[in-house]
Amino acid sequence: EKGHASFSIKNIGDIIPKEKLGLVLQPFGLAQKHIDQNIGLGLYYVKTYLEIHDARFDIQSNESGTIFSFDLIN
C-alpha cells in the first residue's frame, strides 16, 4: 500500500562550493556569471516538483563531489 524510493546521484566533476549550495536551488541562482550556459532552472524545477509531491530533497558537497538525493514516499 505504501511505497518508498530513495535516489542519490553523485557528481564527481566540478563541485558546488558549500556557500553556493543554496543558490543552485533558486531560479538562475548561479547564472549571473554563466548567462550563456543553460544554467539556472534545472535543479529549481526538480526541487519544486519534489516539494509538490512531499518528497525530501538534499544536496551535499565536499572535496570528493556533490551528492543530490531525494526520497519519494507514497
N, C-alpha and C. Protein backbone atom coordinates (compact mmCIF):
# COMPACT_ATOMS: atom_id res chain seq x y z
N GLU A 1 0.82 -1.19 0.00
CA GLU A 1 0.00 0.00 0.00
C GLU A 1 0.87 1.25 0.00
N LYS A 2 1.83 1.27 0.87
CA LYS A 2 2.73 2.42 0.94
C LYS A 2 4.06 2.03 0.32
N GLY A 3 4.65 2.97 -0.40
CA GLY A 3 5.93 2.70 -1.04
C GLY A 3 6.94 3.76 -0.67
N HIS A 4 8.19 3.43 -0.88
CA HIS A 4 9.28 4.35 -0.56
C HIS A 4 10.40 4.08 -1.56
N ALA A 5 10.92 5.14 -2.15
CA ALA A 5 12.06 5.01 -3.05
C ALA A 5 13.06 6.11 -2.73
N SER A 6 14.32 5.75 -2.64
CA SER A 6 15.39 6.70 -2.37
C SER A 6 16.34 6.73 -3.55
N PHE A 7 16.76 7.93 -3.94
CA PHE A 7 17.67 8.10 -5.07
C PHE A 7 18.82 9.00 -4.65
N SER A 8 20.02 8.67 -5.10
CA SER A 8 21.20 9.51 -4.89
C SER A 8 21.99 9.56 -6.18
N ILE A 9 22.42 10.75 -6.53
CA ILE A 9 23.22 10.96 -7.74
C ILE A 9 24.46 11.71 -7.32
N LYS A 10 25.63 11.18 -7.67
CA LYS A 10 26.87 11.84 -7.28
C LYS A 10 27.58 12.38 -8.51
N ASN A 11 27.95 13.64 -8.44
CA ASN A 11 28.72 14.29 -9.48
C ASN A 11 30.15 14.40 -8.98
N ILE A 12 31.08 13.76 -9.66
CA ILE A 12 32.46 13.82 -9.21
C ILE A 12 33.28 14.80 -10.05
N GLY A 13 32.59 15.57 -10.88
CA GLY A 13 33.25 16.61 -11.67
C GLY A 13 33.42 17.86 -10.82
N ASP A 14 33.05 18.99 -11.37
CA ASP A 14 33.13 20.25 -10.63
C ASP A 14 32.20 20.19 -9.43
N ILE A 15 32.71 20.55 -8.27
CA ILE A 15 31.88 20.54 -7.07
C ILE A 15 31.22 21.90 -6.90
N ILE A 16 30.15 21.92 -6.13
CA ILE A 16 29.47 23.16 -5.80
C ILE A 16 29.98 23.58 -4.42
N PRO A 17 30.61 24.74 -4.32
CA PRO A 17 31.09 25.18 -3.01
C PRO A 17 29.94 25.27 -2.00
N LYS A 18 30.20 24.92 -0.75
CA LYS A 18 29.16 24.90 0.28
C LYS A 18 28.42 26.23 0.37
N GLU A 19 29.13 27.33 0.20
CA GLU A 19 28.48 28.64 0.32
C GLU A 19 27.53 28.93 -0.84
N LYS A 20 27.58 28.13 -1.90
CA LYS A 20 26.69 28.35 -3.05
C LYS A 20 25.60 27.29 -3.17
N LEU A 21 25.54 26.35 -2.24
CA LEU A 21 24.53 25.29 -2.32
C LEU A 21 23.11 25.86 -2.34
N GLY A 22 22.85 26.88 -1.54
CA GLY A 22 21.53 27.49 -1.52
C GLY A 22 21.18 28.16 -2.83
N LEU A 23 22.18 28.67 -3.54
CA LEU A 23 21.92 29.36 -4.81
C LEU A 23 21.45 28.42 -5.92
N VAL A 24 21.93 27.17 -5.92
CA VAL A 24 21.57 26.27 -7.02
C VAL A 24 20.10 25.88 -6.98
N LEU A 25 19.43 26.12 -5.86
CA LEU A 25 18.01 25.79 -5.75
C LEU A 25 17.11 26.99 -5.99
N GLN A 26 17.70 28.13 -6.34
CA GLN A 26 16.93 29.32 -6.66
C GLN A 26 16.95 29.52 -8.18
N PRO A 27 15.87 30.07 -8.74
CA PRO A 27 15.87 30.31 -10.18
C PRO A 27 17.05 31.21 -10.59
N PHE A 28 17.85 30.74 -11.51
CA PHE A 28 19.02 31.46 -12.03
C PHE A 28 20.01 31.84 -10.94
N GLY A 29 20.07 31.06 -9.87
CA GLY A 29 20.93 31.37 -8.74
C GLY A 29 22.40 31.45 -9.07
N LEU A 30 22.89 30.60 -9.94
CA LEU A 30 24.30 30.65 -10.33
C LEU A 30 24.50 31.24 -11.71
N ALA A 31 23.46 31.72 -12.33
CA ALA A 31 23.55 32.14 -13.73
C ALA A 31 24.18 33.51 -13.93
N GLN A 32 24.42 34.27 -12.89
CA GLN A 32 24.96 35.62 -13.08
C GLN A 32 26.26 35.60 -13.89
N LYS A 33 27.11 34.64 -13.63
CA LYS A 33 28.39 34.59 -14.33
C LYS A 33 28.37 33.62 -15.51
N HIS A 34 27.27 32.89 -15.69
CA HIS A 34 27.20 31.87 -16.73
C HIS A 34 25.95 32.04 -17.58
N ILE A 35 25.61 33.24 -17.92
CA ILE A 35 24.35 33.50 -18.61
C ILE A 35 24.26 32.80 -19.97
N ASP A 36 25.39 32.46 -20.56
CA ASP A 36 25.38 31.81 -21.87
C ASP A 36 25.29 30.29 -21.79
N GLN A 37 25.32 29.71 -20.59
CA GLN A 37 25.27 28.26 -20.44
C GLN A 37 23.97 27.86 -19.77
N ASN A 38 23.03 27.37 -20.31
CA ASN A 38 21.72 26.96 -19.78
C ASN A 38 21.74 26.56 -18.31
N ILE A 39 22.17 27.45 -17.45
CA ILE A 39 22.26 27.19 -16.02
C ILE A 39 21.18 28.00 -15.32
N GLY A 40 20.51 27.38 -14.37
CA GLY A 40 19.65 28.21 -13.57
C GLY A 40 18.29 27.68 -13.22
N LEU A 41 17.70 26.80 -14.01
CA LEU A 41 16.35 26.35 -13.69
C LEU A 41 16.23 24.86 -13.42
N GLY A 42 17.15 24.06 -13.86
CA GLY A 42 17.04 22.61 -13.73
C GLY A 42 16.79 22.11 -12.32
N LEU A 43 17.68 22.45 -11.39
CA LEU A 43 17.51 21.98 -10.01
C LEU A 43 16.33 22.66 -9.33
N TYR A 44 16.04 23.89 -9.72
CA TYR A 44 14.87 24.56 -9.17
C TYR A 44 13.60 23.81 -9.57
N TYR A 45 13.51 23.39 -10.84
CA TYR A 45 12.35 22.61 -11.29
C TYR A 45 12.25 21.29 -10.54
N VAL A 46 13.37 20.61 -10.38
CA VAL A 46 13.39 19.32 -9.67
C VAL A 46 12.92 19.52 -8.23
N LYS A 47 13.48 20.51 -7.55
CA LYS A 47 13.11 20.78 -6.16
C LYS A 47 11.62 21.11 -6.05
N THR A 48 11.11 21.95 -6.93
CA THR A 48 9.70 22.33 -6.89
C THR A 48 8.81 21.12 -7.13
N TYR A 49 9.14 20.30 -8.11
CA TYR A 49 8.35 19.10 -8.40
C TYR A 49 8.32 18.16 -7.20
N LEU A 50 9.49 17.95 -6.60
CA LEU A 50 9.56 17.06 -5.44
C LEU A 50 8.78 17.62 -4.25
N GLU A 51 8.84 18.93 -4.04
CA GLU A 51 8.09 19.54 -2.94
C GLU A 51 6.59 19.37 -3.15
N ILE A 52 6.13 19.48 -4.38
CA ILE A 52 4.70 19.29 -4.68
C ILE A 52 4.25 17.90 -4.24
N HIS A 53 5.16 16.94 -4.35
CA HIS A 53 4.84 15.55 -4.01
C HIS A 53 5.34 15.16 -2.62
N ASP A 54 5.59 16.15 -1.78
CA ASP A 54 6.03 15.93 -0.39
C ASP A 54 7.27 15.05 -0.29
N ALA A 55 8.17 15.19 -1.23
CA ALA A 55 9.41 14.41 -1.19
C ALA A 55 10.50 15.21 -0.49
N ARG A 56 11.46 14.51 0.06
CA ARG A 56 12.62 15.14 0.69
C ARG A 56 13.72 15.28 -0.35
N PHE A 57 14.37 16.45 -0.40
CA PHE A 57 15.42 16.73 -1.36
C PHE A 57 16.63 17.28 -0.61
N ASP A 58 17.82 16.80 -0.93
CA ASP A 58 19.01 17.24 -0.21
C ASP A 58 20.20 17.33 -1.17
N ILE A 59 21.07 18.28 -0.91
CA ILE A 59 22.32 18.40 -1.66
C ILE A 59 23.45 18.50 -0.64
N GLN A 60 24.48 17.69 -0.86
CA GLN A 60 25.68 17.75 -0.03
C GLN A 60 26.88 17.86 -0.96
N SER A 61 27.85 18.65 -0.56
CA SER A 61 29.01 18.83 -1.41
C SER A 61 30.27 18.90 -0.57
N ASN A 62 31.31 18.21 -1.04
CA ASN A 62 32.62 18.28 -0.40
C ASN A 62 33.68 18.02 -1.46
N GLU A 63 34.90 17.85 -1.05
CA GLU A 63 36.02 17.70 -1.99
C GLU A 63 35.86 16.49 -2.93
N SER A 64 35.12 15.47 -2.50
CA SER A 64 35.01 14.27 -3.32
C SER A 64 33.85 14.33 -4.32
N GLY A 65 33.03 15.38 -4.24
CA GLY A 65 31.94 15.52 -5.20
C GLY A 65 30.68 16.10 -4.57
N THR A 66 29.66 16.19 -5.38
CA THR A 66 28.36 16.70 -4.94
C THR A 66 27.34 15.60 -5.06
N ILE A 67 26.55 15.40 -4.01
CA ILE A 67 25.53 14.35 -3.99
C ILE A 67 24.15 14.99 -3.91
N PHE A 68 23.31 14.65 -4.88
CA PHE A 68 21.91 15.06 -4.90
C PHE A 68 21.10 13.84 -4.49
N SER A 69 20.25 13.98 -3.49
CA SER A 69 19.45 12.83 -3.08
C SER A 69 18.02 13.26 -2.79
N PHE A 70 17.10 12.32 -3.02
CA PHE A 70 15.70 12.58 -2.70
C PHE A 70 15.00 11.29 -2.37
N ASP A 71 13.97 11.41 -1.55
CA ASP A 71 13.15 10.28 -1.14
C ASP A 71 11.72 10.52 -1.58
N LEU A 72 11.13 9.51 -2.20
CA LEU A 72 9.72 9.56 -2.57
C LEU A 72 8.96 8.59 -1.69
N ILE A 73 7.90 9.06 -1.09
CA ILE A 73 7.08 8.22 -0.21
C ILE A 73 5.66 8.28 -0.67
N ASN A 74 5.04 7.13 -0.83
CA ASN A 74 3.65 7.06 -1.27
C ASN A 74 2.77 6.75 -0.10
